[in-house]
Amino acid sequence: MTTTVTIVAHIVATAPEVLATIAKTVRSEVHGAGSANASVPLRDDARASVTVAGFGDELPVAIDVSAPTVEQARSAASALRSQLKAGPGWRIESGPGA
C-alpha cells in the first residue's frame, strides 16, 4: 500500500516545469517525462508527482509525495517542502496528509 502526502506550491507553471524544477532541486531526474505518470524519485523510497490547476481553477500546484509508509511520505514531503522554499524560493504549504 502506498501513502500520499500533498504539499501545495503557490506558483504558476506547467507540470513538466514543476517536475523539472523538483528534479533539479533534489538532484534527481524526471521518470516518464511527457507522460501522465511522470514523477521524480525522492529520498525514503518516495516519489513526487504533480497536478496543475486546470482552466478556471485556482493557481496552486499540488505536489503529491507517495511512499510505502506514512512516516516515509511525511518525511520526504517535509524535506521537499524545505528544499523548494530554500532553492527556487517557492511559497509552499502543507496539504492533505502532511
PDB file of N, CA and C in Angstrom:
ATOM      1  N   MET A   1       0.842  -1.179   0.000  1.00  0.00           N
ATOM      2  CA  MET A   1       0.000   0.000   0.000  1.00  0.00           C
ATOM      3  C   MET A   1       0.888   1.244   0.000  1.00  0.00           C
ATOM      4  N   THR A   2       0.490   2.237  -0.742  1.00  0.00           N
ATOM      5  CA  THR A   2       1.232   3.488  -0.830  1.00  0.00           C
ATOM      6  C   THR A   2       0.462   4.590  -0.128  1.00  0.00           C
ATOM      7  N   THR A   3       1.183   5.437   0.588  1.00  0.00           N
ATOM      8  CA  THR A   3       0.595   6.588   1.254  1.00  0.00           C
ATOM      9  C   THR A   3       0.999   7.842   0.500  1.00  0.00           C
ATOM     10  N   THR A   4       0.066   8.771   0.342  1.00  0.00           N
ATOM     11  CA  THR A   4       0.358  10.019  -0.357  1.00  0.00           C
ATOM     12  C   THR A   4       0.126  11.208   0.555  1.00  0.00           C
ATOM     13  N   VAL A   5       1.093  12.112   0.552  1.00  0.00           N
ATOM     14  CA  VAL A   5       1.019  13.376   1.279  1.00  0.00           C
ATOM     15  C   VAL A   5       1.105  14.474   0.226  1.00  0.00           C
ATOM     16  N   THR A   6       0.275  15.492   0.351  1.00  0.00           N
ATOM     17  CA  THR A   6       0.259  16.565  -0.639  1.00  0.00           C
ATOM     18  C   THR A   6       0.821  17.847  -0.051  1.00  0.00           C
ATOM     19  N   ILE A   7       1.679  18.500  -0.837  1.00  0.00           N
ATOM     20  CA  ILE A   7       2.115  19.849  -0.492  1.00  0.00           C
ATOM     21  C   ILE A   7       1.658  20.758  -1.626  1.00  0.00           C
ATOM     22  N   VAL A   8       1.426  22.024  -1.313  1.00  0.00           N
ATOM     23  CA  VAL A   8       0.864  22.968  -2.269  1.00  0.00           C
ATOM     24  C   VAL A   8       1.870  24.073  -2.544  1.00  0.00           C
ATOM     25  N   ALA A   9       2.151  24.295  -3.827  1.00  0.00           N
ATOM     26  CA  ALA A   9       3.064  25.364  -4.239  1.00  0.00           C
ATOM     27  C   ALA A   9       2.245  26.479  -4.882  1.00  0.00           C
ATOM     28  N   HIS A  10       2.437  27.689  -4.405  1.00  0.00           N
ATOM     29  CA  HIS A  10       1.723  28.840  -4.962  1.00  0.00           C
ATOM     30  C   HIS A  10       2.566  29.448  -6.078  1.00  0.00           C
ATOM     31  N   ILE A  11       2.521  28.786  -7.228  1.00  0.00           N
ATOM     32  CA  ILE A  11       3.287  29.206  -8.403  1.00  0.00           C
ATOM     33  C   ILE A  11       2.415  29.026  -9.634  1.00  0.00           C
ATOM     34  N   VAL A  12       2.820  29.628 -10.714  1.00  0.00           N
ATOM     35  CA  VAL A  12       2.162  29.417 -11.997  1.00  0.00           C
ATOM     36  C   VAL A  12       3.182  28.733 -12.897  1.00  0.00           C
ATOM     37  N   ALA A  13       2.932  27.473 -13.225  1.00  0.00           N
ATOM     38  CA  ALA A  13       3.863  26.697 -14.045  1.00  0.00           C
ATOM     39  C   ALA A  13       3.140  25.469 -14.573  1.00  0.00           C
ATOM     40  N   THR A  14       3.705  24.877 -15.599  1.00  0.00           N
ATOM     41  CA  THR A  14       3.164  23.627 -16.137  1.00  0.00           C
ATOM     42  C   THR A  14       3.703  22.458 -15.318  1.00  0.00           C
ATOM     43  N   ALA A  15       3.038  21.324 -15.423  1.00  0.00           N
ATOM     44  CA  ALA A  15       3.510  20.134 -14.704  1.00  0.00           C
ATOM     45  C   ALA A  15       4.938  19.764 -15.100  1.00  0.00           C
ATOM     46  N   PRO A  16       5.286  19.767 -16.401  1.00  0.00           N
ATOM     47  CA  PRO A  16       6.680  19.447 -16.749  1.00  0.00           C
ATOM     48  C   PRO A  16       7.684  20.432 -16.150  1.00  0.00           C
ATOM     49  N   GLU A  17       7.325  21.715 -16.093  1.00  0.00           N
ATOM     50  CA  GLU A  17       8.224  22.712 -15.493  1.00  0.00           C
ATOM     51  C   GLU A  17       8.416  22.449 -14.002  1.00  0.00           C
ATOM     52  N   VAL A  18       7.321  22.131 -13.320  1.00  0.00           N
ATOM     53  CA  VAL A  18       7.395  21.862 -11.881  1.00  0.00           C
ATOM     54  C   VAL A  18       8.245  20.620 -11.625  1.00  0.00           C
ATOM     55  N   LEU A  19       8.005  19.559 -12.380  1.00  0.00           N
ATOM     56  CA  LEU A  19       8.779  18.330 -12.198  1.00  0.00           C
ATOM     57  C   LEU A  19      10.261  18.559 -12.479  1.00  0.00           C
ATOM     58  N   ALA A  20      10.566  19.326 -13.512  1.00  0.00           N
ATOM     59  CA  ALA A  20      11.970  19.619 -13.833  1.00  0.00           C
ATOM     60  C   ALA A  20      12.631  20.403 -12.705  1.00  0.00           C
ATOM     61  N   THR A  21      11.907  21.348 -12.117  1.00  0.00           N
ATOM     62  CA  THR A  21      12.459  22.128 -11.004  1.00  0.00           C
ATOM     63  C   THR A  21      12.660  21.255  -9.778  1.00  0.00           C
ATOM     64  N   ILE A  22      11.694  20.386  -9.491  1.00  0.00           N
ATOM     65  CA  ILE A  22      11.839  19.462  -8.364  1.00  0.00           C
ATOM     66  C   ILE A  22      13.064  18.578  -8.589  1.00  0.00           C
ATOM     67  N   ALA A  23      13.188  18.015  -9.786  1.00  0.00           N
ATOM     68  CA  ALA A  23      14.320  17.130 -10.090  1.00  0.00           C
ATOM     69  C   ALA A  23      15.647  17.860  -9.911  1.00  0.00           C
ATOM     70  N   LYS A  24      15.730  19.068 -10.410  1.00  0.00           N
ATOM     71  CA  LYS A  24      16.966  19.853 -10.272  1.00  0.00           C
ATOM     72  C   LYS A  24      17.257  20.155  -8.806  1.00  0.00           C
ATOM     73  N   THR A  25      16.219  20.513  -8.063  1.00  0.00           N
ATOM     74  CA  THR A  25      16.379  20.880  -6.656  1.00  0.00           C
ATOM     75  C   THR A  25      16.865  19.714  -5.809  1.00  0.00           C
ATOM     76  N   VAL A  26      16.339  18.514  -6.072  1.00  0.00           N
ATOM     77  CA  VAL A  26      16.719  17.345  -5.263  1.00  0.00           C
ATOM     78  C   VAL A  26      17.813  16.510  -5.925  1.00  0.00           C
ATOM     79  N   ARG A  27      18.341  17.023  -7.031  1.00  0.00           N
ATOM     80  CA  ARG A  27      19.408  16.333  -7.779  1.00  0.00           C
ATOM     81  C   ARG A  27      18.983  14.921  -8.189  1.00  0.00           C
ATOM     82  N   SER A  28      17.849  14.883  -8.866  1.00  0.00           N
ATOM     83  CA  SER A  28      17.296  13.624  -9.355  1.00  0.00           C
ATOM     84  C   SER A  28      16.941  13.828 -10.823  1.00  0.00           C
ATOM     85  N   GLU A  29      16.054  13.016 -11.349  1.00  0.00           N
ATOM     86  CA  GLU A  29      15.609  13.165 -12.732  1.00  0.00           C
ATOM     87  C   GLU A  29      14.134  12.833 -12.819  1.00  0.00           C
ATOM     88  N   VAL A  30      13.498  13.327 -13.861  1.00  0.00           N
ATOM     89  CA  VAL A  30      12.084  13.046 -14.079  1.00  0.00           C
ATOM     90  C   VAL A  30      11.969  11.691 -14.775  1.00  0.00           C
ATOM     91  N   HIS A  31      11.213  10.795 -14.180  1.00  0.00           N
ATOM     92  CA  HIS A  31      10.935   9.493 -14.800  1.00  0.00           C
ATOM     93  C   HIS A  31       9.600   9.594 -15.528  1.00  0.00           C
ATOM     94  N   GLY A  32       9.550   9.093 -16.744  1.00  0.00           N
ATOM     95  CA  GLY A  32       8.310   9.135 -17.518  1.00  0.00           C
ATOM     96  C   GLY A  32       7.961  10.526 -18.007  1.00  0.00           C
ATOM     97  N   ALA A  33       8.967  11.362 -18.229  1.00  0.00           N
ATOM     98  CA  ALA A  33       8.730  12.738 -18.681  1.00  0.00           C
ATOM     99  C   ALA A  33       7.820  12.742 -19.900  1.00  0.00           C
ATOM    100  N   GLY A  34       6.870  13.647 -19.904  1.00  0.00           N
ATOM    101  CA  GLY A  34       5.945  13.767 -21.021  1.00  0.00           C
ATOM    102  C   GLY A  34       4.739  12.850 -20.932  1.00  0.00           C
ATOM    103  N   SER A  35       4.709  11.987 -19.931  1.00  0.00           N
ATOM    104  CA  SER A  35       3.568  11.082 -19.772  1.00  0.00           C
ATOM    105  C   SER A  35       2.692  11.542 -18.611  1.00  0.00           C
ATOM    106  N   ALA A  36       1.511  10.965 -18.527  1.00  0.00           N
ATOM    107  CA  ALA A  36       0.599  11.294 -17.429  1.00  0.00           C
ATOM    108  C   ALA A  36       1.110  10.768 -16.093  1.00  0.00           C
ATOM    109  N   ASN A  37       2.058   9.833 -16.125  1.00  0.00           N
ATOM    110  CA  ASN A  37       2.590   9.231 -14.901  1.00  0.00           C
ATOM    111  C   ASN A  37       3.980   9.733 -14.543  1.00  0.00           C
ATOM    112  N   ALA A  38       4.365  10.888 -15.050  1.00  0.00           N
ATOM    113  CA  ALA A  38       5.698  11.426 -14.773  1.00  0.00           C
ATOM    114  C   ALA A  38       5.863  11.683 -13.276  1.00  0.00           C
ATOM    115  N   SER A  39       7.068  11.399 -12.773  1.00  0.00           N
ATOM    116  CA  SER A  39       7.351  11.611 -11.353  1.00  0.00           C
ATOM    117  C   SER A  39       8.851  11.771 -11.153  1.00  0.00           C
ATOM    118  N   VAL A  40       9.199  12.214  -9.954  1.00  0.00           N
ATOM    119  CA  VAL A  40      10.601  12.388  -9.586  1.00  0.00           C
ATOM    120  C   VAL A  40      10.876  11.523  -8.361  1.00  0.00           C
ATOM    121  N   PRO A  41      11.859  10.626  -8.420  1.00  0.00           N
ATOM    122  CA  PRO A  41      12.226   9.845  -7.238  1.00  0.00           C
ATOM    123  C   PRO A  41      12.801  10.763  -6.156  1.00  0.00           C
ATOM    124  N   LEU A  42      12.389  10.510  -4.916  1.00  0.00           N
ATOM    125  CA  LEU A  42      12.864  11.270  -3.764  1.00  0.00           C
ATOM    126  C   LEU A  42      13.520  10.322  -2.769  1.00  0.00           C
ATOM    127  N   ARG A  43      13.956  10.864  -1.650  1.00  0.00           N
ATOM    128  CA  ARG A  43      14.540  10.030  -0.601  1.00  0.00           C
ATOM    129  C   ARG A  43      13.454   9.175   0.056  1.00  0.00           C
ATOM    130  N   ASP A  44      13.872   8.256   0.892  1.00  0.00           N
ATOM    131  CA  ASP A  44      12.950   7.395   1.650  1.00  0.00           C
ATOM    132  C   ASP A  44      12.015   6.591   0.750  1.00  0.00           C
ATOM    133  N   ASP A  45      12.498   6.188  -0.436  1.00  0.00           N
ATOM    134  CA  ASP A  45      11.699   5.362  -1.338  1.00  0.00           C
ATOM    135  C   ASP A  45      10.405   6.066  -1.752  1.00  0.00           C
ATOM    136  N   ALA A  46      10.448   7.400  -1.825  1.00  0.00           N
ATOM    137  CA  ALA A  46       9.272   8.202  -2.164  1.00  0.00           C
ATOM    138  C   ALA A  46       9.389   8.736  -3.589  1.00  0.00           C
ATOM    139  N   ARG A  47       8.257   9.219  -4.113  1.00  0.00           N
ATOM    140  CA  ARG A  47       8.201   9.820  -5.445  1.00  0.00           C
ATOM    141  C   ARG A  47       7.313  11.060  -5.380  1.00  0.00           C
ATOM    142  N   ALA A  48       7.640  12.062  -6.206  1.00  0.00           N
ATOM    143  CA  ALA A  48       6.812  13.267  -6.308  1.00  0.00           C
ATOM    144  C   ALA A  48       6.145  13.295  -7.674  1.00  0.00           C
ATOM    145  N   SER A  49       4.852  13.552  -7.684  1.00  0.00           N
ATOM    146  CA  SER A  49       4.115  13.767  -8.928  1.00  0.00           C
ATOM    147  C   SER A  49       3.349  15.077  -8.770  1.00  0.00           C
ATOM    148  N   VAL A  50       2.844  15.607  -9.875  1.00  0.00           N
ATOM    149  CA  VAL A  50       2.300  16.965  -9.856  1.00  0.00           C
ATOM    150  C   VAL A  50       0.927  17.020 -10.504  1.00  0.00           C
ATOM    151  N   THR A  51       0.045  17.831  -9.905  1.00  0.00           N
ATOM    152  CA  THR A  51      -1.238  18.161 -10.502  1.00  0.00           C
ATOM    153  C   THR A  51      -1.314  19.679 -10.593  1.00  0.00           C
ATOM    154  N   VAL A  52      -1.504  20.181 -11.799  1.00  0.00           N
ATOM    155  CA  VAL A  52      -1.599  21.621 -12.024  1.00  0.00           C
ATOM    156  C   VAL A  52      -3.068  21.974 -12.195  1.00  0.00           C
ATOM    157  N   ALA A  53      -3.475  23.095 -11.626  1.00  0.00           N
ATOM    158  CA  ALA A  53      -4.859  23.544 -11.752  1.00  0.00           C
ATOM    159  C   ALA A  53      -5.230  23.705 -13.224  1.00  0.00           C
ATOM    160  N   GLY A  54      -6.446  23.332 -13.552  1.00  0.00           N
ATOM    161  CA  GLY A  54      -6.920  23.463 -14.928  1.00  0.00           C
ATOM    162  C   GLY A  54      -7.544  24.827 -15.167  1.00  0.00           C
ATOM    163  N   PHE A  55      -8.012  25.057 -16.371  1.00  0.00           N
ATOM    164  CA  PHE A  55      -8.626  26.325 -16.732  1.00  0.00           C
ATOM    165  C   PHE A  55      -9.781  26.627 -15.788  1.00  0.00           C
ATOM    166  N   GLY A  56      -9.779  27.814 -15.227  1.00  0.00           N
ATOM    167  CA  GLY A  56     -10.840  28.227 -14.325  1.00  0.00           C
ATOM    168  C   GLY A  56     -10.620  27.821 -12.882  1.00  0.00           C
ATOM    169  N   ASP A  57      -9.593  27.008 -12.618  1.00  0.00           N
ATOM    170  CA  ASP A  57      -9.285  26.607 -11.250  1.00  0.00           C
ATOM    171  C   ASP A  57      -8.355  27.628 -10.613  1.00  0.00           C
ATOM    172  N   GLU A  58      -8.190  27.525  -9.317  1.00  0.00           N
ATOM    173  CA  GLU A  58      -7.238  28.385  -8.627  1.00  0.00           C
ATOM    174  C   GLU A  58      -5.824  27.970  -8.998  1.00  0.00           C
ATOM    175  N   LEU A  59      -4.849  28.844  -8.740  1.00  0.00           N
ATOM    176  CA  LEU A  59      -3.495  28.657  -9.220  1.00  0.00           C
ATOM    177  C   LEU A  59      -2.620  27.629  -8.523  1.00  0.00           C
ATOM    178  N   PRO A  60      -2.790  27.302  -7.272  1.00  0.00           N
ATOM    179  CA  PRO A  60      -1.800  26.429  -6.638  1.00  0.00           C
ATOM    180  C   PRO A  60      -1.568  25.119  -7.384  1.00  0.00           C
ATOM    181  N   VAL A  61      -0.338  24.651  -7.269  1.00  0.00           N
ATOM    182  CA  VAL A  61       0.076  23.377  -7.848  1.00  0.00           C
ATOM    183  C   VAL A  61       0.147  22.356  -6.718  1.00  0.00           C
ATOM    184  N   ALA A  62      -0.497  21.221  -6.882  1.00  0.00           N
ATOM    185  CA  ALA A  62      -0.444  20.155  -5.880  1.00  0.00           C
ATOM    186  C   ALA A  62       0.709  19.218  -6.217  1.00  0.00           C
ATOM    187  N   ILE A  63       1.597  19.024  -5.245  1.00  0.00           N
ATOM    188  CA  ILE A  63       2.708  18.088  -5.394  1.00  0.00           C
ATOM    189  C   ILE A  63       2.417  16.915  -4.471  1.00  0.00           C
ATOM    190  N   ASP A  64       2.144  15.768  -5.054  1.00  0.00           N
ATOM    191  CA  ASP A  64       1.844  14.569  -4.276  1.00  0.00           C
ATOM    192  C   ASP A  64       3.128  13.787  -4.045  1.00  0.00           C
ATOM    193  N   VAL A  65       3.409  13.515  -2.782  1.00  0.00           N
ATOM    194  CA  VAL A  65       4.583  12.731  -2.404  1.00  0.00           C
ATOM    195  C   VAL A  65       4.077  11.380  -1.916  1.00  0.00           C
ATOM    196  N   SER A  66       4.404  10.333  -2.649  1.00  0.00           N
ATOM    197  CA  SER A  66       3.940   8.981  -2.331  1.00  0.00           C
ATOM    198  C   SER A  66       5.101   8.127  -1.857  1.00  0.00           C
ATOM    199  N   ALA A  67       4.832   7.297  -0.846  1.00  0.00           N
ATOM    200  CA  ALA A  67       5.853   6.408  -0.283  1.00  0.00           C
ATOM    201  C   ALA A  67       5.155   5.194   0.323  1.00  0.00           C
ATOM    202  N   PRO A  68       5.930   4.151   0.638  1.00  0.00           N
ATOM    203  CA  PRO A  68       5.337   2.934   1.193  1.00  0.00           C
ATOM    204  C   PRO A  68       4.651   3.124   2.550  1.00  0.00           C
ATOM    205  N   THR A  69       5.131   4.060   3.371  1.00  0.00           N
ATOM    206  CA  THR A  69       4.529   4.263   4.693  1.00  0.00           C
ATOM    207  C   THR A  69       4.217   5.739   4.913  1.00  0.00           C
ATOM    208  N   VAL A  70       3.346   6.001   5.873  1.00  0.00           N
ATOM    209  CA  VAL A  70       3.003   7.378   6.236  1.00  0.00           C
ATOM    210  C   VAL A  70       4.247   8.132   6.679  1.00  0.00           C
ATOM    211  N   GLU A  71       5.072   7.487   7.494  1.00  0.00           N
ATOM    212  CA  GLU A  71       6.279   8.143   8.006  1.00  0.00           C
ATOM    213  C   GLU A  71       7.216   8.535   6.871  1.00  0.00           C
ATOM    214  N   GLN A  72       7.415   7.638   5.909  1.00  0.00           N
ATOM    215  CA  GLN A  72       8.295   7.930   4.775  1.00  0.00           C
ATOM    216  C   GLN A  72       7.723   9.055   3.913  1.00  0.00           C
ATOM    217  N   ALA A  73       6.417   9.026   3.682  1.00  0.00           N
ATOM    218  CA  ALA A  73       5.781  10.062   2.864  1.00  0.00           C
ATOM    219  C   ALA A  73       5.886  11.423   3.543  1.00  0.00           C
ATOM    220  N   ARG A  74       5.605  11.469   4.838  1.00  0.00           N
ATOM    221  CA  ARG A  74       5.691  12.746   5.564  1.00  0.00           C
ATOM    222  C   ARG A  74       7.118  13.262   5.623  1.00  0.00           C
ATOM    223  N   SER A  75       8.063  12.374   5.851  1.00  0.00           N
ATOM    224  CA  SER A  75       9.469  12.765   5.915  1.00  0.00           C
ATOM    225  C   SER A  75       9.946  13.313   4.572  1.00  0.00           C
ATOM    226  N   ALA A  76       9.624  12.606   3.498  1.00  0.00           N
ATOM    227  CA  ALA A  76      10.037  13.048   2.162  1.00  0.00           C
ATOM    228  C   ALA A  76       9.346  14.355   1.783  1.00  0.00           C
ATOM    229  N   ALA A  77       8.065  14.501   2.137  1.00  0.00           N
ATOM    230  CA  ALA A  77       7.335  15.738   1.836  1.00  0.00           C
ATOM    231  C   ALA A  77       7.915  16.913   2.611  1.00  0.00           C
ATOM    232  N   SER A  78       8.253  16.687   3.865  1.00  0.00           N
ATOM    233  CA  SER A  78       8.850  17.744   4.683  1.00  0.00           C
ATOM    234  C   SER A  78      10.187  18.191   4.105  1.00  0.00           C
ATOM    235  N   ALA A  79      11.010  17.229   3.715  1.00  0.00           N
ATOM    236  CA  ALA A  79      12.312  17.557   3.123  1.00  0.00           C
ATOM    237  C   ALA A  79      12.131  18.307   1.809  1.00  0.00           C
ATOM    238  N   LEU A  80      11.204  17.853   0.971  1.00  0.00           N
ATOM    239  CA  LEU A  80      10.970  18.511  -0.313  1.00  0.00           C
ATOM    240  C   LEU A  80      10.451  19.929  -0.104  1.00  0.00           C
ATOM    241  N   ARG A  81       9.536  20.095   0.836  1.00  0.00           N
ATOM    242  CA  ARG A  81       8.998  21.425   1.152  1.00  0.00           C
ATOM    243  C   ARG A  81      10.131  22.381   1.501  1.00  0.00           C
ATOM    244  N   SER A  82      11.029  21.946   2.368  1.00  0.00           N
ATOM    245  CA  SER A  82      12.172  22.777   2.778  1.00  0.00           C
ATOM    246  C   SER A  82      13.090  23.090   1.602  1.00  0.00           C
ATOM    247  N   GLN A  83      13.357  22.086   0.774  1.00  0.00           N
ATOM    248  CA  GLN A  83      14.248  22.285  -0.372  1.00  0.00           C
ATOM    249  C   GLN A  83      13.652  23.248  -1.395  1.00  0.00           C
ATOM    250  N   LEU A  84      12.350  23.181  -1.620  1.00  0.00           N
ATOM    251  CA  LEU A  84      11.721  24.063  -2.600  1.00  0.00           C
ATOM    252  C   LEU A  84      11.594  25.491  -2.078  1.00  0.00           C
ATOM    253  N   LYS A  85      11.482  25.651  -0.773  1.00  0.00           N
ATOM    254  CA  LYS A  85      11.493  27.001  -0.190  1.00  0.00           C
ATOM    255  C   LYS A  85      12.883  27.606  -0.306  1.00  0.00           C
ATOM    256  N   ALA A  86      13.906  26.813  -0.009  1.00  0.00           N
ATOM    257  CA  ALA A  86      15.288  27.305   0.002  1.00  0.00           C
ATOM    258  C   ALA A  86      15.853  27.464  -1.403  1.00  0.00           C
ATOM    259  N   GLY A  87      15.576  26.506  -2.288  1.00  0.00           N
ATOM    260  CA  GLY A  87      16.140  26.533  -3.644  1.00  0.00           C
ATOM    261  C   GLY A  87      15.469  27.565  -4.525  1.00  0.00           C
ATOM    262  N   PRO A  88      14.380  27.173  -5.195  1.00  0.00           N
ATOM    263  CA  PRO A  88      13.720  28.128  -6.091  1.00  0.00           C
ATOM    264  C   PRO A  88      12.912  29.202  -5.354  1.00  0.00           C
ATOM    265  N   GLY A  89      12.782  29.087  -4.042  1.00  0.00           N
ATOM    266  CA  GLY A  89      12.088  30.110  -3.264  1.00  0.00           C
ATOM    267  C   GLY A  89      10.575  30.086  -3.393  1.00  0.00           C
ATOM    268  N   TRP A  90      10.023  28.924  -3.666  1.00  0.00           N
ATOM    269  CA  TRP A  90       8.577  28.809  -3.800  1.00  0.00           C
ATOM    270  C   TRP A  90       7.894  28.980  -2.451  1.00  0.00           C
ATOM    271  N   ARG A  91       6.670  29.514  -2.484  1.00  0.00           N
ATOM    272  CA  ARG A  91       5.840  29.567  -1.283  1.00  0.00           C
ATOM    273  C   ARG A  91       5.085  28.244  -1.233  1.00  0.00           C
ATOM    274  N   ILE A  92       5.383  27.465  -0.208  1.00  0.00           N
ATOM    275  CA  ILE A  92       4.864  26.103  -0.087  1.00  0.00           C
ATOM    276  C   ILE A  92       4.050  25.977   1.196  1.00  0.00           C
ATOM    277  N   GLU A  93       2.944  25.247   1.113  1.00  0.00           N
ATOM    278  CA  GLU A  93       2.121  24.944   2.287  1.00  0.00           C
ATOM    279  C   GLU A  93       1.923  23.436   2.375  1.00  0.00           C
ATOM    280  N   SER A  94       1.617  22.991   3.573  1.00  0.00           N
ATOM    281  CA  SER A  94       1.239  21.591   3.752  1.00  0.00           C
ATOM    282  C   SER A  94      -0.155  21.402   3.190  1.00  0.00           C
ATOM    283  N   GLY A  95      -0.382  20.260   2.600  1.00  0.00           N
ATOM    284  CA  GLY A  95      -1.697  19.924   2.083  1.00  0.00           C
ATOM    285  C   GLY A  95      -2.227  18.709   2.815  1.00  0.00           C
ATOM    286  N   PRO A  96      -3.174  17.995   2.228  1.00  0.00           N
ATOM    287  CA  PRO A  96      -3.748  16.817   2.867  1.00  0.00           C
ATOM    288  C   PRO A  96      -2.695  15.770   3.231  1.00  0.00           C
ATOM    289  N   GLY A  97      -2.771  15.298   4.455  1.00  0.00           N
ATOM    290  CA  GLY A  97      -1.889  14.234   4.920  1.00  0.00           C
ATOM    291  C   GLY A  97      -0.538  14.685   5.429  1.00  0.00           C
ATOM    292  N   ALA A  98      -0.193  15.955   5.204  1.00  0.00           N
ATOM    293  CA  ALA A  98       1.149  16.436   5.596  1.00  0.00           C
ATOM    294  C   ALA A  98       1.234  16.767   7.065  1.00  0.00           C
TER     295      ALA A  98
END
